[in-house]
Amino acid sequence: MRPMRRKFSTTAAALTLVAVSGFGVAAGTSGTAAAAAPERPVSAAPIPPATPPVGERAEPSVREQADRIMNLTYQQFATTPHTPPFNWTNDGCSVPTGYAPYSEVFRPACVQHDFGYRNYGAKHELKLDPTRAAKDWIDGRFRTEMRRVCDDRYRTPLAHLNCTNAAEAYYLAVRFGGDSSYF
């Protein structure tokens, strides 16, 4: 058994030597043909830092800003300054049949939903993410904010239930009928 260990350690040492030698060739010269070529000077240009220096913040990208705005509650969204480059236009709430009284109730959530379509969708200038996944996310945010409106506004069980049913109808209308406005 003892001779086997020596043989193993000798083999391991030999493999390590070959690996280190091979690494030096690959890392230093990238092959035998390159070994004969003169070395190129290393560029003196500094590599830009991946993060800003301590104490400084990187400006968020347009997409990051839009994502932050879309993740606000409907109340926070309503007080957000309308800054460029975003499209802040809206057409209020398109009303599913039978749910006209809720067009004003859900208006803040509808305006936020319009922001999503007009900035992420393919039909407008920025086209931040004209994909099915982004549309589904925006529609989901709409549903969440309409439910939040119901929670904030209606205290009695029947009024709350009617509101959440209306929210579901509005959500289904954009989920299945909103493609032509987004893509």
Protein backbone atom coordinates (compact mmCIF):
# COMPACT_ATOMS: atom_id res chain seq x y z
CA MET A 1 0.00 0.00 0.00
CA ARG A 2 2.81 2.37 0.79
CA PRO A 3 4.35 2.21 -2.73
CA MET A 4 0.95 3.06 -4.21
CA ARG A 5 0.84 6.29 -2.19
CA ARG A 6 4.25 7.29 -3.43
CA LYS A 7 3.28 6.55 -6.96
CA PHE A 8 0.06 8.57 -6.51
CA SER A 9 1.88 11.55 -5.00
CA THR A 10 4.51 11.39 -7.75
CA THR A 11 1.76 11.28 -10.38
CA ALA A 12 -0.09 14.16 -8.70
CA ALA A 13 3.11 16.22 -8.60
CA ALA A 14 3.76 15.53 -12.27
CA LEU A 15 0.19 16.52 -13.22
CA THR A 16 0.50 19.71 -11.18
CA LEU A 17 3.76 20.58 -12.93
CA VAL A 18 2.20 19.97 -16.36
CA ALA A 19 -0.87 22.00 -15.45
CA VAL A 20 1.19 24.92 -14.14
CA SER A 21 3.47 24.85 -17.16
CA GLY A 22 0.53 24.67 -19.53
CA PHE A 23 -1.20 27.54 -17.73
CA GLY A 24 1.88 29.70 -18.03
CA VAL A 25 2.02 29.11 -21.79
CA ALA A 26 -1.70 29.71 -22.24
CA ALA A 27 -1.83 32.76 -20.04
CA GLY A 28 1.45 34.31 -21.09
CA THR A 29 1.71 33.63 -24.81
CA SER A 30 -1.40 31.82 -26.02
CA GLY A 31 0.51 29.19 -27.98
CA THR A 32 3.88 28.37 -29.47
CA ALA A 33 3.51 30.58 -32.55
CA ALA A 34 2.82 33.55 -30.34
CA ALA A 35 5.82 32.75 -28.16
CA ALA A 36 8.19 33.90 -30.92
CA ALA A 37 6.33 37.19 -31.46
CA PRO A 38 7.45 40.19 -29.46
CA GLU A 39 5.35 41.10 -26.47
CA ARG A 40 2.82 43.91 -26.85
CA PRO A 41 2.85 46.66 -24.28
CA VAL A 42 -0.02 46.57 -21.83
CA SER A 43 -2.51 49.41 -22.29
CA ALA A 44 -2.19 52.09 -19.67
CA ALA A 45 -5.88 53.04 -19.90
CA PRO A 46 -7.58 52.45 -16.57
CA ILE A 47 -10.49 50.02 -16.38
CA PRO A 48 -13.65 51.93 -15.48
CA PRO A 49 -15.03 51.03 -12.05
CA ALA A 50 -18.07 48.75 -11.98
CA THR A 51 -19.59 50.88 -9.24
CA PRO A 52 -19.36 54.60 -8.62
CA PRO A 53 -16.76 55.87 -6.15
CA VAL A 54 -17.70 55.84 -2.48
CA GLY A 55 -20.14 58.62 -1.70
CA GLU A 56 -21.43 58.88 -5.29
CA ARG A 57 -24.55 57.27 -6.68
CA ALA A 58 -24.96 56.05 -10.23
CA GLU A 59 -27.88 57.55 -12.13
CA PRO A 60 -30.58 54.91 -12.58
CA SER A 61 -31.30 53.93 -16.17
CA VAL A 62 -34.57 54.94 -17.83
CA ARG A 63 -35.77 51.34 -17.42
CA GLU A 64 -34.88 51.35 -13.71
CA GLN A 65 -36.74 54.63 -13.25
CA ALA A 66 -39.81 53.26 -15.06
CA ASP A 67 -39.73 50.06 -12.99
CA ARG A 68 -39.61 52.13 -9.80
CA ILE A 69 -42.58 54.21 -10.95
CA MET A 70 -44.58 51.14 -11.95
CA ASN A 71 -43.96 49.56 -8.54
CA LEU A 72 -45.41 52.55 -6.66
CA THR A 73 -48.84 52.29 -5.09
CA TYR A 74 -51.58 54.14 -6.97
CA GLN A 75 -51.43 56.85 -4.29
CA GLN A 76 -47.67 57.31 -4.63
CA PHE A 77 -47.95 57.26 -8.42
CA ALA A 78 -50.53 60.07 -8.30
CA THR A 79 -48.00 62.37 -6.63
CA THR A 80 -45.03 61.45 -8.84
CA PRO A 81 -43.66 64.39 -10.88
CA HIS A 82 -44.22 63.94 -14.62
CA THR A 83 -40.62 64.04 -15.78
CA PRO A 84 -39.18 63.29 -19.21
CA PRO A 85 -38.46 61.07 -21.05
CA PHE A 86 -41.64 59.28 -20.03
CA ASN A 87 -44.99 59.44 -21.78
CA TRP A 88 -47.49 60.55 -19.12
CA THR A 89 -50.55 60.78 -21.36
CA ASN A 90 -53.58 58.73 -20.42
CA ASP A 91 -57.14 58.15 -21.47
CA GLY A 92 -58.53 57.31 -18.05
CA CYS A 93 -60.42 54.04 -17.78
CA SER A 94 -62.00 52.18 -20.65
CA VAL A 95 -65.06 50.62 -19.06
CA PRO A 96 -66.03 46.97 -19.39
CA THR A 97 -69.77 46.59 -20.01
CA GLY A 98 -71.78 46.95 -16.82
CA TYR A 99 -69.01 48.55 -14.73
CA ALA A 100 -69.33 52.24 -15.64
CA PRO A 101 -69.55 53.46 -12.01
CA TYR A 102 -66.05 52.15 -11.35
CA SER A 103 -64.33 54.17 -14.09
CA GLU A 104 -63.81 57.02 -11.63
CA VAL A 105 -63.11 54.72 -8.69
CA PHE A 106 -60.28 52.99 -10.56
CA ARG A 107 -59.03 56.09 -12.37
CA PRO A 108 -55.71 56.35 -10.44
CA ALA A 109 -54.91 52.69 -11.20
CA CYS A 110 -55.94 53.18 -14.86
CA VAL A 111 -53.60 56.16 -15.21
CA GLN A 112 -50.71 54.09 -13.84
CA HIS A 113 -51.63 51.25 -16.20
CA ASP A 114 -51.60 53.70 -19.13
CA PHE A 115 -48.11 54.82 -18.04
CA GLY A 116 -46.97 51.20 -18.27
CA TYR A 117 -48.39 50.59 -21.73
CA ARG A 118 -47.14 53.92 -23.09
CA ASN A 119 -43.58 53.44 -21.88
CA TYR A 120 -42.95 49.70 -22.08
CA GLY A 121 -45.14 48.78 -25.07
CA ALA A 122 -44.25 48.62 -28.74
CA LYS A 123 -46.80 51.25 -29.81
CA HIS A 124 -44.96 54.17 -28.23
CA GLU A 125 -41.57 55.87 -28.30
CA LEU A 126 -39.51 54.30 -25.46
CA LYS A 127 -40.44 50.64 -26.02
CA LEU A 128 -38.78 49.72 -22.71
CA ASP A 129 -39.95 46.10 -22.85
CA PRO A 130 -42.49 45.23 -25.55
CA THR A 131 -42.78 41.60 -24.46
CA ARG A 132 -45.65 39.42 -23.27
CA ALA A 133 -44.00 39.08 -19.86
CA ALA A 134 -43.84 42.86 -19.39
CA LYS A 135 -47.46 43.33 -20.49
CA ASP A 136 -48.56 40.60 -18.08
CA TRP A 137 -46.60 42.31 -15.28
CA ILE A 138 -48.17 45.71 -16.05
CA ASP A 139 -51.64 44.15 -16.16
CA GLY A 140 -50.89 42.41 -12.85
CA ARG A 141 -49.83 45.72 -11.30
CA PHE A 142 -53.15 47.18 -12.51
CA ARG A 143 -55.07 44.39 -10.77
CA THR A 144 -53.08 44.88 -7.55
CA GLU A 145 -53.69 48.62 -7.49
CA MET A 146 -57.42 48.28 -8.24
CA ARG A 147 -57.71 45.84 -5.34
CA ARG A 148 -55.84 48.33 -3.17
CA VAL A 149 -58.39 50.99 -4.21
CA CYS A 150 -61.19 48.63 -3.13
CA ASP A 151 -59.48 47.97 0.21
CA ASP A 152 -58.97 51.69 0.83
CA ARG A 153 -62.42 52.81 -0.24
CA TYR A 154 -65.02 50.18 0.71
CA ARG A 155 -65.50 48.97 4.28
CA THR A 156 -68.74 46.99 4.05
CA PRO A 157 -68.37 43.42 2.80
CA LEU A 158 -70.89 43.75 -0.04
CA ALA A 159 -69.47 47.04 -1.36
CA HIS A 160 -65.94 45.61 -1.14
CA LEU A 161 -66.99 42.43 -2.97
CA ASN A 162 -68.67 44.45 -5.74
CA CYS A 163 -65.52 46.53 -6.10
CA THR A 164 -63.18 43.53 -6.28
CA ASN A 165 -65.49 41.89 -8.84
CA ALA A 166 -65.34 45.06 -10.92
CA ALA A 167 -61.53 45.10 -10.53
CA GLU A 168 -61.41 41.55 -11.85
CA ALA A 169 -63.55 42.54 -14.86
CA TYR A 170 -61.27 45.49 -15.64
CA TYR A 171 -58.21 43.27 -15.26
CA LEU A 172 -59.62 40.58 -17.58
CA ALA A 173 -60.53 43.25 -20.14
CA VAL A 174 -56.90 44.45 -20.39
CA ARG A 175 -55.44 40.97 -20.02
CA PHE A 176 -57.37 39.59 -22.98
CA GLY A 177 -58.21 42.74 -24.91
CA GLY A 178 -55.18 44.97 -24.38
CA ASP A 179 -52.75 43.43 -26.88
CA SER A 180 -53.64 45.88 -29.64
CA SER A 181 -52.77 48.78 -27.32
CA TYR A 182 -49.49 47.25 -26.17
CA PHE A 183 -47.94 45.40 -29.14
